[in-house]
């Protein structure tokens, strides 16, 4: 049976990333270009700045992911990219790049829902995992508790109506002077306090 190689492209917010996955479960490369330092001075992600940086980074990120996977473009069987949800301008960069690449290589383009991608990432981290299970998704404006009934069948059991958890951490961190991103900084302080008690 022939191995299947998929190139994944993700640009839904402030990180440009690309990965090569073999047979749906084996990650051969995962390259991430982070923009945290760029957005730090603004206390959060500025959509227009994020989009411009995706344009500058995407070609190099994809080339590096292919290099690290030790594979050439002619060996790819498909291109997967995030189509949403996310920042419109940022998504447009990844989708446009993926469309052009899939067209030029004459291979399928696989549109991927960002939130479904978070669920599917569990299958790579835990190869033995199979539905059904419960999944807590915390991503951008999405905080959902989801019942994963089957690989493509989901039921949202609950979700936030206001700020996402990550955004709340960023706002609290900004108010108390920790800066951006808030989550890791609040986590570090919490761990220090736990060890002192």
N, C-alpha and C. Protein backbone atom coordinates (compact mmCIF):
# COMPACT_ATOMS: atom_id res chain seq x y z
N UNK A 1 0.84 -1.19 0.00
CA UNK A 1 0.00 0.00 0.00
C UNK A 1 0.88 1.25 0.00
N UNK A 2 0.53 2.21 -0.85
CA UNK A 2 1.31 3.44 -0.99
C UNK A 2 1.13 4.36 0.21
N UNK A 3 2.24 4.93 0.68
CA UNK A 3 2.16 5.93 1.74
C UNK A 3 1.55 7.21 1.19
N UNK A 4 0.77 7.90 2.02
CA UNK A 4 0.12 9.15 1.64
C UNK A 4 0.80 10.29 2.40
N UNK A 5 1.25 11.30 1.65
CA UNK A 5 1.92 12.46 2.24
C UNK A 5 1.07 13.71 2.01
N UNK A 6 0.72 14.38 3.12
CA UNK A 6 -0.08 15.61 3.04
C UNK A 6 0.74 16.76 3.63
N UNK A 7 0.75 17.86 2.89
CA UNK A 7 1.36 19.09 3.39
C UNK A 7 0.25 19.94 4.01
N UNK A 8 0.40 20.30 5.27
CA UNK A 8 -0.59 21.12 5.95
C UNK A 8 -0.08 22.55 6.09
N UNK A 9 -0.99 23.51 5.91
CA UNK A 9 -0.66 24.93 6.05
C UNK A 9 -1.68 25.57 6.99
N UNK A 10 -1.17 26.32 7.99
CA UNK A 10 -2.04 26.94 8.98
C UNK A 10 -1.65 28.41 9.14
N UNK A 11 -2.64 29.31 8.99
CA UNK A 11 -2.38 30.75 9.12
C UNK A 11 -3.60 31.48 9.69
N UNK A 12 -4.29 30.87 10.64
CA UNK A 12 -5.55 31.43 11.10
C UNK A 12 -5.41 32.63 12.03
N UNK A 13 -4.23 32.81 12.63
CA UNK A 13 -4.08 33.94 13.55
C UNK A 13 -2.70 34.56 13.38
N UNK A 14 -1.79 34.32 14.32
CA UNK A 14 -0.50 35.02 14.29
C UNK A 14 0.70 34.08 14.12
N UNK A 15 0.47 32.84 13.80
CA UNK A 15 1.57 31.93 13.54
C UNK A 15 1.41 31.33 12.15
N UNK A 16 2.50 31.37 11.39
CA UNK A 16 2.50 30.72 10.08
C UNK A 16 3.12 29.35 10.31
N UNK A 17 2.39 28.30 9.98
CA UNK A 17 2.95 26.98 10.21
C UNK A 17 2.66 26.04 9.05
N UNK A 18 3.54 25.06 8.93
CA UNK A 18 3.41 24.06 7.88
C UNK A 18 3.96 22.74 8.42
N UNK A 19 3.31 21.66 8.05
CA UNK A 19 3.73 20.33 8.49
C UNK A 19 3.55 19.33 7.36
N UNK A 20 4.35 18.29 7.40
CA UNK A 20 4.16 17.16 6.49
C UNK A 20 3.75 15.97 7.35
N UNK A 21 2.62 15.37 6.98
CA UNK A 21 2.09 14.23 7.73
C UNK A 21 2.00 13.02 6.82
N UNK A 22 2.49 11.90 7.31
CA UNK A 22 2.48 10.64 6.56
C UNK A 22 1.36 9.75 7.08
N UNK A 23 0.51 9.31 6.17
CA UNK A 23 -0.58 8.39 6.48
C UNK A 23 -1.51 8.87 7.60
N UNK A 24 -1.67 10.18 7.70
CA UNK A 24 -2.65 10.75 8.62
C UNK A 24 -2.27 10.79 10.08
N UNK A 25 -1.18 10.15 10.47
CA UNK A 25 -0.85 10.09 11.90
C UNK A 25 0.62 10.40 12.23
N UNK A 26 1.50 10.25 11.27
CA UNK A 26 2.93 10.42 11.57
C UNK A 26 3.40 11.79 11.07
N UNK A 27 3.77 12.66 12.02
CA UNK A 27 4.24 14.00 11.69
C UNK A 27 5.73 13.94 11.35
N UNK A 28 6.04 14.23 10.08
CA UNK A 28 7.43 14.21 9.64
C UNK A 28 8.13 15.55 9.87
N UNK A 29 7.35 16.62 9.89
CA UNK A 29 7.90 17.95 10.20
C UNK A 29 6.77 18.84 10.69
N UNK A 30 7.16 19.85 11.45
CA UNK A 30 6.19 20.82 11.95
C UNK A 30 6.95 22.13 12.19
N UNK A 31 6.85 23.04 11.25
CA UNK A 31 7.60 24.29 11.31
C UNK A 31 6.63 25.43 11.65
N UNK A 32 6.99 26.22 12.65
CA UNK A 32 6.14 27.33 13.11
C UNK A 32 6.95 28.62 13.13
N UNK A 33 6.41 29.64 12.47
CA UNK A 33 6.99 30.97 12.54
C UNK A 33 6.06 31.80 13.43
N UNK A 34 6.52 32.09 14.64
CA UNK A 34 5.70 32.81 15.61
C UNK A 34 5.85 34.32 15.46
N UNK A 35 4.76 35.02 15.71
CA UNK A 35 4.75 36.48 15.67
C UNK A 35 4.60 37.10 17.06
N UNK A 36 4.79 36.32 18.11
CA UNK A 36 4.56 36.82 19.47
C UNK A 36 5.35 38.09 19.73
N UNK A 37 6.62 38.11 19.39
CA UNK A 37 7.47 39.29 19.64
C UNK A 37 6.93 40.53 18.91
N UNK A 38 6.40 40.32 17.72
CA UNK A 38 5.87 41.44 16.93
C UNK A 38 4.64 42.06 17.59
N UNK A 39 3.74 41.21 18.11
CA UNK A 39 2.47 41.68 18.66
C UNK A 39 2.56 42.05 20.15
N UNK A 40 3.67 41.68 20.78
CA UNK A 40 3.86 41.92 22.21
C UNK A 40 3.64 43.39 22.58
N UNK A 41 4.19 44.29 21.79
CA UNK A 41 4.09 45.72 22.13
C UNK A 41 2.67 46.26 22.03
N UNK A 42 1.77 45.53 21.34
CA UNK A 42 0.38 45.96 21.21
C UNK A 42 -0.52 45.30 22.26
N UNK A 43 0.01 44.32 22.99
CA UNK A 43 -0.76 43.62 24.00
C UNK A 43 -1.73 42.61 23.44
N UNK A 44 -1.58 42.26 22.17
CA UNK A 44 -2.45 41.28 21.52
C UNK A 44 -2.22 41.32 20.01
N UNK A 45 -2.86 40.43 19.31
CA UNK A 45 -2.67 40.29 17.87
C UNK A 45 -3.36 41.41 17.11
N UNK A 46 -2.61 42.07 16.22
CA UNK A 46 -3.17 43.09 15.33
C UNK A 46 -3.37 42.40 13.97
N UNK A 47 -4.62 42.22 13.54
CA UNK A 47 -4.90 41.43 12.33
C UNK A 47 -4.12 41.84 11.08
N UNK A 48 -4.05 43.13 10.78
CA UNK A 48 -3.35 43.59 9.57
C UNK A 48 -1.86 43.27 9.63
N UNK A 49 -1.25 43.44 10.79
CA UNK A 49 0.17 43.13 10.95
C UNK A 49 0.38 41.62 10.81
N UNK A 50 -0.53 40.83 11.38
CA UNK A 50 -0.43 39.37 11.28
C UNK A 50 -0.46 38.94 9.81
N UNK A 51 -1.39 39.50 9.05
CA UNK A 51 -1.53 39.13 7.63
C UNK A 51 -0.26 39.44 6.84
N UNK A 52 0.29 40.62 7.06
CA UNK A 52 1.51 41.01 6.34
C UNK A 52 2.67 40.09 6.67
N UNK A 53 2.76 39.69 7.93
CA UNK A 53 3.85 38.79 8.33
C UNK A 53 3.67 37.39 7.79
N UNK A 54 2.42 36.95 7.64
CA UNK A 54 2.17 35.65 6.99
C UNK A 54 2.70 35.68 5.55
N UNK A 55 2.44 36.77 4.84
CA UNK A 55 2.91 36.90 3.45
C UNK A 55 4.42 36.75 3.38
N UNK A 56 5.11 37.39 4.32
CA UNK A 56 6.58 37.34 4.33
C UNK A 56 7.12 35.97 4.71
N UNK A 57 6.40 35.23 5.56
CA UNK A 57 6.94 33.99 6.12
C UNK A 57 6.55 32.71 5.39
N UNK A 58 5.40 32.70 4.71
CA UNK A 58 4.81 31.43 4.28
C UNK A 58 5.69 30.59 3.36
N UNK A 59 6.31 31.19 2.38
CA UNK A 59 7.15 30.40 1.45
C UNK A 59 8.29 29.70 2.17
N UNK A 60 8.98 30.44 3.04
CA UNK A 60 10.10 29.85 3.77
C UNK A 60 9.65 28.77 4.75
N UNK A 61 8.51 28.98 5.39
CA UNK A 61 7.99 27.98 6.33
C UNK A 61 7.66 26.68 5.60
N UNK A 62 7.00 26.77 4.45
CA UNK A 62 6.66 25.58 3.67
C UNK A 62 7.92 24.87 3.18
N UNK A 63 8.87 25.63 2.64
CA UNK A 63 10.13 25.03 2.17
C UNK A 63 10.85 24.30 3.30
N UNK A 64 10.88 24.92 4.48
CA UNK A 64 11.56 24.31 5.62
C UNK A 64 10.84 23.04 6.09
N UNK A 65 9.51 23.04 6.04
CA UNK A 65 8.79 21.83 6.46
C UNK A 65 9.05 20.66 5.51
N UNK A 66 9.15 20.96 4.22
CA UNK A 66 9.50 19.91 3.25
C UNK A 66 10.92 19.42 3.47
N UNK A 67 11.82 20.35 3.73
CA UNK A 67 13.23 19.99 3.97
C UNK A 67 13.36 19.10 5.21
N UNK A 68 12.72 19.50 6.31
CA UNK A 68 12.80 18.72 7.54
C UNK A 68 12.17 17.34 7.39
N UNK A 69 11.14 17.24 6.55
CA UNK A 69 10.48 15.95 6.31
C UNK A 69 11.25 15.10 5.31
N UNK A 70 12.27 15.71 4.69
CA UNK A 70 13.08 15.02 3.68
C UNK A 70 12.21 14.50 2.53
N UNK A 71 11.36 15.42 2.03
CA UNK A 71 10.45 15.06 0.95
C UNK A 71 10.39 16.21 -0.06
N UNK A 72 10.17 15.87 -1.31
CA UNK A 72 10.04 16.90 -2.34
C UNK A 72 8.57 17.07 -2.70
N UNK A 73 8.25 18.20 -3.30
CA UNK A 73 6.85 18.51 -3.61
C UNK A 73 6.20 17.48 -4.52
N UNK A 74 6.97 16.87 -5.40
CA UNK A 74 6.39 15.89 -6.33
C UNK A 74 5.92 14.61 -5.63
N UNK A 75 6.30 14.43 -4.36
CA UNK A 75 5.88 13.26 -3.58
C UNK A 75 4.59 13.52 -2.79
N UNK A 76 4.14 14.77 -2.78
CA UNK A 76 2.93 15.11 -2.02
C UNK A 76 1.67 14.59 -2.71
N UNK A 77 0.71 14.13 -1.89
CA UNK A 77 -0.56 13.62 -2.40
C UNK A 77 -1.69 14.61 -2.22
N UNK A 78 -1.47 15.65 -1.41
CA UNK A 78 -2.50 16.65 -1.19
C UNK A 78 -1.97 17.79 -0.35
N UNK A 79 -2.69 18.90 -0.40
CA UNK A 79 -2.38 20.09 0.40
C UNK A 79 -3.59 20.37 1.27
N UNK A 80 -3.40 20.42 2.57
CA UNK A 80 -4.48 20.77 3.49
C UNK A 80 -4.21 22.17 4.04
N UNK A 81 -5.27 22.96 4.17
CA UNK A 81 -5.08 24.30 4.74
C UNK A 81 -6.28 24.68 5.57
N UNK A 82 -6.04 25.54 6.54
CA UNK A 82 -7.12 26.07 7.37
C UNK A 82 -7.90 27.10 6.57
N UNK A 83 -9.23 26.92 6.49
CA UNK A 83 -10.07 27.89 5.79
C UNK A 83 -10.86 28.76 6.77
N UNK A 84 -10.88 28.41 8.03
CA UNK A 84 -11.59 29.18 9.04
C UNK A 84 -11.90 28.29 10.23
N UNK A 85 -12.35 28.81 11.31
CA UNK A 85 -12.43 30.22 11.62
C UNK A 85 -11.07 30.82 11.93
N UNK A 86 -11.01 32.15 11.90
CA UNK A 86 -9.77 32.85 12.18
C UNK A 86 -9.84 34.27 11.65
N UNK A 87 -8.70 34.92 11.61
CA UNK A 87 -8.62 36.29 11.08
C UNK A 87 -8.69 36.21 9.56
N UNK A 88 -9.60 36.94 8.96
CA UNK A 88 -9.87 36.82 7.52
C UNK A 88 -8.61 37.05 6.68
N UNK A 89 -7.89 38.12 6.92
CA UNK A 89 -6.69 38.42 6.14
C UNK A 89 -5.62 37.36 6.30
N UNK A 90 -5.43 36.89 7.52
CA UNK A 90 -4.44 35.85 7.80
C UNK A 90 -4.81 34.55 7.09
N UNK A 91 -6.09 34.17 7.18
CA UNK A 91 -6.56 32.96 6.50
C UNK A 91 -6.37 33.06 4.99
N UNK A 92 -6.64 34.23 4.44
CA UNK A 92 -6.53 34.43 3.00
C UNK A 92 -5.13 34.14 2.48
N UNK A 93 -4.13 34.48 3.27
CA UNK A 93 -2.73 34.22 2.86
C UNK A 93 -2.51 32.71 2.74
N UNK A 94 -2.87 31.95 3.77
CA UNK A 94 -2.66 30.50 3.75
C UNK A 94 -3.48 29.80 2.69
N UNK A 95 -4.76 30.19 2.56
CA UNK A 95 -5.63 29.56 1.56
C UNK A 95 -5.13 29.86 0.15
N UNK A 96 -4.75 31.09 -0.11
CA UNK A 96 -4.27 31.46 -1.46
C UNK A 96 -3.00 30.69 -1.81
N UNK A 97 -2.10 30.60 -0.86
CA UNK A 97 -0.85 29.88 -1.09
C UNK A 97 -1.13 28.40 -1.35
N UNK A 98 -1.99 27.81 -0.52
CA UNK A 98 -2.32 26.39 -0.66
C UNK A 98 -3.03 26.11 -1.98
N UNK A 99 -3.95 26.99 -2.37
CA UNK A 99 -4.66 26.82 -3.65
C UNK A 99 -3.69 26.85 -4.82
N UNK A 100 -2.80 27.82 -4.81
CA UNK A 100 -1.83 27.95 -5.91
C UNK A 100 -0.93 26.72 -5.97
N UNK A 101 -0.49 26.24 -4.81
CA UNK A 101 0.39 25.08 -4.77
C UNK A 101 -0.34 23.82 -5.24
N UNK A 102 -1.57 23.64 -4.79
CA UNK A 102 -2.31 22.44 -5.20
C UNK A 102 -2.61 22.47 -6.70
N UNK A 103 -2.91 23.65 -7.22
CA UNK A 103 -3.18 23.80 -8.66
C UNK A 103 -1.92 23.52 -9.47
N UNK A 104 -0.79 24.07 -9.04
CA UNK A 104 0.45 23.89 -9.79
C UNK A 104 0.95 22.44 -9.76
N UNK A 105 0.67 21.73 -8.65
CA UNK A 105 1.10 20.33 -8.53
C UNK A 105 0.02 19.35 -9.01
N UNK A 106 -1.18 19.89 -9.31
CA UNK A 106 -2.30 19.07 -9.75
C UNK A 106 -2.64 17.97 -8.74
N UNK A 107 -2.72 18.39 -7.47
CA UNK A 107 -3.10 17.47 -6.39
C UNK A 107 -4.25 18.10 -5.60
N UNK A 108 -5.02 17.30 -4.87
CA UNK A 108 -6.19 17.83 -4.16
C UNK A 108 -5.86 18.88 -3.10
N UNK A 109 -6.79 19.82 -2.97
CA UNK A 109 -6.76 20.81 -1.89
C UNK A 109 -7.79 20.37 -0.86
N UNK A 110 -7.37 20.27 0.39
CA UNK A 110 -8.24 19.80 1.46
C UNK A 110 -8.50 20.97 2.42
N UNK A 111 -9.69 21.54 2.34
CA UNK A 111 -10.05 22.65 3.22
C UNK A 111 -10.33 22.11 4.61
N UNK A 112 -9.70 22.71 5.62
CA UNK A 112 -9.78 22.20 6.98
C UNK A 112 -10.31 23.25 7.94
N UNK A 113 -11.31 22.88 8.72
CA UNK A 113 -11.84 23.75 9.76
C UNK A 113 -10.83 23.79 10.91
N UNK A 114 -10.46 24.98 11.31
CA UNK A 114 -9.47 25.19 12.36
C UNK A 114 -9.83 24.45 13.65
N UNK A 115 -11.08 24.53 14.05
CA UNK A 115 -11.51 23.90 15.30
C UNK A 115 -11.49 22.37 15.17
N UNK A 116 -11.89 21.86 14.02
CA UNK A 116 -11.80 20.40 13.79
C UNK A 116 -10.34 19.96 13.81
N UNK A 117 -9.45 20.83 13.37
CA UNK A 117 -8.01 20.54 13.41
C UNK A 117 -7.51 20.35 14.83
N UNK A 118 -8.03 21.17 15.75
CA UNK A 118 -7.64 21.00 17.16
C UNK A 118 -8.08 19.64 17.67
N UNK A 119 -9.27 19.22 17.28
CA UNK A 119 -9.76 17.90 17.69
C UNK A 119 -8.87 16.81 17.10
N UNK A 120 -8.59 16.90 15.80
CA UNK A 120 -7.80 15.88 15.12
C UNK A 120 -6.37 15.80 15.63
N UNK A 121 -5.84 16.90 16.17
CA UNK A 121 -4.47 16.88 16.70
C UNK A 121 -4.32 15.85 17.82
N UNK A 122 -5.42 15.55 18.50
CA UNK A 122 -5.38 14.54 19.56
C UNK A 122 -5.02 13.16 19.02
N UNK A 123 -5.39 12.88 17.78
CA UNK A 123 -5.09 11.56 17.20
C UNK A 123 -3.60 11.41 16.91
N UNK A 124 -2.92 12.53 16.72
CA UNK A 124 -1.47 12.48 16.49
C UNK A 124 -0.75 12.36 17.83
N UNK A 125 -1.21 13.13 18.83
CA UNK A 125 -0.59 13.08 20.16
C UNK A 125 -0.85 11.74 20.84
N UNK A 126 -2.04 11.20 20.64
CA UNK A 126 -2.43 9.92 21.26
C UNK A 126 -2.88 8.96 20.15
N UNK A 127 -1.94 8.27 19.50
CA UNK A 127 -2.28 7.42 18.34
C UNK A 127 -3.32 6.34 18.63
N UNK A 128 -3.45 5.93 19.89
CA UNK A 128 -4.42 4.88 20.23
C UNK A 128 -5.83 5.44 20.44
N UNK A 129 -5.97 6.76 20.45
CA UNK A 129 -7.26 7.40 20.71
C UNK A 129 -8.27 7.13 19.60
N UNK A 130 -9.49 6.76 20.02
CA UNK A 130 -10.59 6.55 19.08
C UNK A 130 -11.85 7.14 19.69
N UNK A 131 -12.76 7.65 18.88
CA UNK A 131 -14.04 8.13 19.42
C UNK A 131 -14.82 6.96 20.01
N UNK A 132 -15.72 7.23 20.91
CA UNK A 132 -16.16 8.54 21.40
C UNK A 132 -15.29 9.03 22.57
N UNK A 133 -15.23 10.37 22.73
CA UNK A 133 -14.56 10.99 23.87
C UNK A 133 -15.03 12.43 23.99
N UNK A 134 -14.71 13.06 25.13
CA UNK A 134 -15.00 14.47 25.34
C UNK A 134 -13.75 15.27 25.05
N UNK A 135 -13.92 16.45 24.46
CA UNK A 135 -12.77 17.28 24.09
C UNK A 135 -13.05 18.72 24.51
N UNK A 136 -12.10 19.32 25.23
CA UNK A 136 -12.18 20.74 25.57
C UNK A 136 -11.32 21.50 24.58
N UNK A 137 -11.94 22.42 23.85
CA UNK A 137 -11.23 23.20 22.83
C UNK A 137 -11.11 24.62 23.34
N UNK A 138 -9.87 25.11 23.41
CA UNK A 138 -9.63 26.49 23.82
C UNK A 138 -8.73 27.10 22.75
N UNK A 139 -9.33 27.90 21.88
CA UNK A 139 -8.60 28.47 20.75
C UNK A 139 -9.22 29.79 20.33
N UNK A 140 -8.45 30.87 20.45
CA UNK A 140 -8.96 32.17 20.02
C UNK A 140 -10.29 32.48 20.66
N UNK A 141 -11.28 32.79 19.85
CA UNK A 141 -12.61 33.11 20.36
C UNK A 141 -13.47 31.89 20.60
N UNK A 142 -12.87 30.71 20.61
CA UNK A 142 -13.64 29.48 20.76
C UNK A 142 -13.22 28.71 22.00
N UNK A 143 -14.14 28.56 22.93
CA UNK A 143 -13.95 27.69 24.08
C UNK A 143 -15.18 26.79 24.11
N UNK A 144 -14.99 25.53 23.73
CA UNK A 144 -16.11 24.59 23.58
C UNK A 144 -15.81 23.29 24.32
N UNK A 145 -16.84 22.72 24.90
CA UNK A 145 -16.77 21.35 25.39
C UNK A 145 -17.56 20.52 24.36
N UNK A 146 -16.87 19.58 23.72
CA UNK A 146 -17.45 18.87 22.59
C UNK A 146 -17.45 17.35 22.83
N UNK A 147 -18.59 16.73 22.52
CA UNK A 147 -18.67 15.27 22.53
C UNK A 147 -18.28 14.79 21.13
N UNK A 148 -17.16 14.11 21.03
CA UNK A 148 -16.70 13.57 19.76
C UNK A 148 -17.34 12.19 19.62
N UNK A 149 -18.39 12.11 18.82
CA UNK A 149 -19.14 10.86 18.68
C UNK A 149 -18.45 9.91 17.71
N UNK A 150 -17.89 10.47 16.65
CA UNK A 150 -17.16 9.69 15.65
C UNK A 150 -16.14 10.64 15.03
N UNK A 151 -15.34 10.17 14.10
CA UNK A 151 -14.26 10.99 13.55
C UNK A 151 -14.76 12.30 12.91
N UNK A 152 -15.96 12.29 12.38
CA UNK A 152 -16.49 13.51 11.76
C UNK A 152 -17.85 13.92 12.33
N UNK A 153 -18.22 13.36 13.48
CA UNK A 153 -19.51 13.68 14.09
C UNK A 153 -19.29 14.25 15.49
N UNK A 154 -19.65 15.54 15.66
CA UNK A 154 -19.41 16.25 16.91
C UNK A 154 -20.71 16.85 17.44
N UNK A 155 -20.79 16.96 18.77
CA UNK A 155 -21.90 17.67 19.41
C UNK A 155 -21.33 18.63 20.44
N UNK A 156 -21.60 19.93 20.26
CA UNK A 156 -21.13 20.93 21.21
C UNK A 156 -22.03 20.87 22.44
N UNK A 157 -21.43 20.54 23.58
CA UNK A 157 -22.19 20.43 24.83
C UNK A 157 -22.27 21.77 25.56
N UNK A 158 -21.28 22.61 25.36
CA UNK A 158 -21.27 23.92 26.00
C UNK A 158 -20.20 24.79 25.38
N UNK A 159 -20.39 26.11 25.46
CA UNK A 159 -19.40 27.04 24.93
C UNK A 159 -19.53 28.38 25.62
N UNK A 160 -18.48 29.19 25.54
CA UNK A 160 -18.52 30.50 26.17
C UNK A 160 -19.35 31.45 25.32
N UNK A 161 -19.87 32.50 25.96
CA UNK A 161 -20.66 33.50 25.25
C UNK A 161 -19.93 34.83 25.17
N UNK A 162 -18.82 34.95 25.90
CA UNK A 162 -18.09 36.21 25.88
C UNK A 162 -16.64 35.95 25.50
N UNK A 163 -15.69 36.43 26.28
CA UNK A 163 -14.28 36.23 25.96
C UNK A 163 -13.88 34.76 26.06
N UNK A 164 -13.02 34.36 25.16
CA UNK A 164 -12.44 33.03 25.25
C UNK A 164 -11.47 33.01 26.43
N UNK A 165 -11.16 31.84 26.94
CA UNK A 165 -10.29 31.70 28.09
C UNK A 165 -8.93 32.35 27.82
N UNK A 166 -8.34 32.07 26.65
CA UNK A 166 -7.03 32.64 26.33
C UNK A 166 -7.04 34.16 26.29
N UNK A 167 -8.11 34.71 25.76
CA UNK A 167 -8.24 36.16 25.69
C UNK A 167 -8.38 36.76 27.09
N UNK A 168 -9.09 36.07 27.96
CA UNK A 168 -9.24 36.53 29.34
C UNK A 168 -7.88 36.55 30.03
N UNK A 169 -7.07 35.52 29.82
CA UNK A 169 -5.73 35.48 30.39
C UNK A 169 -4.91 36.67 29.89
N UNK A 170 -4.99 36.95 28.59
CA UNK A 170 -4.25 38.08 28.01
C UNK A 170 -4.67 39.40 28.65
N UNK A 171 -5.97 39.59 28.84
CA UNK A 171 -6.47 40.84 29.42
C UNK A 171 -6.05 40.99 30.88
N UNK A 172 -6.17 39.92 31.65
CA UNK A 172 -5.75 39.97 33.06
C UNK A 172 -4.26 40.25 33.15
N UNK A 173 -3.47 39.57 32.34
CA UNK A 173 -2.01 39.77 32.36
C UNK A 173 -1.66 41.22 32.01
N UNK A 174 -2.37 41.80 31.06
CA UNK A 174 -2.10 43.19 30.66
C UNK A 174 -2.42 44.13 31.82
N UNK A 175 -3.55 43.91 32.51
CA UNK A 175 -3.98 44.78 33.60
C UNK A 175 -2.98 44.72 34.77
N UNK A 176 -2.45 43.55 35.07
CA UNK A 176 -1.53 43.43 36.21
C UNK A 176 -0.07 43.62 35.81
N UNK A 177 0.14 44.00 34.53
CA UNK A 177 1.49 44.37 34.10
C UNK A 177 2.40 43.24 33.67
N UNK A 178 1.85 42.10 33.35
CA UNK A 178 2.68 40.97 32.93
C UNK A 178 3.00 41.01 31.44
N UNK A 179 2.17 41.67 30.66
CA UNK A 179 2.40 41.73 29.21
C UNK A 179 1.75 40.59 28.46
N UNK A 180 2.07 40.51 27.17
CA UNK A 180 1.49 39.54 26.24
C UNK A 180 2.55 38.54 25.82
N UNK A 181 2.22 37.29 25.60
CA UNK A 181 0.93 36.63 25.83
C UNK A 181 0.73 36.31 27.31
N UNK A 182 -0.50 36.44 27.77
CA UNK A 182 -0.79 36.32 29.19
C UNK A 182 -0.78 34.91 29.74
N UNK A 183 -1.31 33.96 28.97
CA UNK A 183 -1.42 32.58 29.46
C UNK A 183 -0.14 32.00 30.03
N UNK A 184 0.95 31.96 29.25
CA UNK A 184 2.19 31.39 29.77
C UNK A 184 2.74 32.14 30.99
N UNK A 185 2.56 33.48 31.02
CA UNK A 185 3.09 34.27 32.13
C UNK A 185 2.30 34.04 33.41
N UNK A 186 0.97 33.96 33.31
CA UNK A 186 0.14 33.66 34.47
C UNK A 186 0.43 32.24 34.95
N UNK A 187 0.61 31.31 34.03
CA UNK A 187 0.93 29.92 34.36
C UNK A 187 2.25 29.82 35.14
N UNK A 188 3.26 30.57 34.72
CA UNK A 188 4.56 30.55 35.40
C UNK A 188 4.43 31.04 36.83
N UNK A 189 3.69 32.14 37.03
CA UNK A 189 3.48 32.67 38.38
C UNK A 189 2.70 31.67 39.24
N UNK A 190 1.69 31.05 38.66
CA UNK A 190 0.89 30.07 39.40
C UNK A 190 1.74 28.88 39.85
N UNK A 191 2.64 28.42 38.98
CA UNK A 191 3.52 27.29 39.34
C UNK A 191 4.47 27.67 40.47
N UNK A 192 4.98 28.90 40.43
CA UNK A 192 5.90 29.35 41.50
C UNK A 192 5.16 29.41 42.83
N UNK A 193 3.93 29.90 42.81
CA UNK A 193 3.14 30.00 44.04
C UNK A 193 2.82 28.62 44.60
N UNK A 194 2.56 27.66 43.72
CA UNK A 194 2.25 26.29 44.16
C UNK A 194 3.43 25.68 44.88
N UNK A 195 4.65 25.92 44.37
CA UNK A 195 5.84 25.32 44.99
C UNK A 195 6.20 26.00 46.30
N UNK A 196 5.73 27.22 46.52
CA UNK A 196 6.02 27.95 47.77
C UNK A 196 5.01 27.66 48.87
N UNK A 197 3.89 27.03 48.53
CA UNK A 197 2.85 26.76 49.53
C UNK A 197 3.04 25.42 50.18
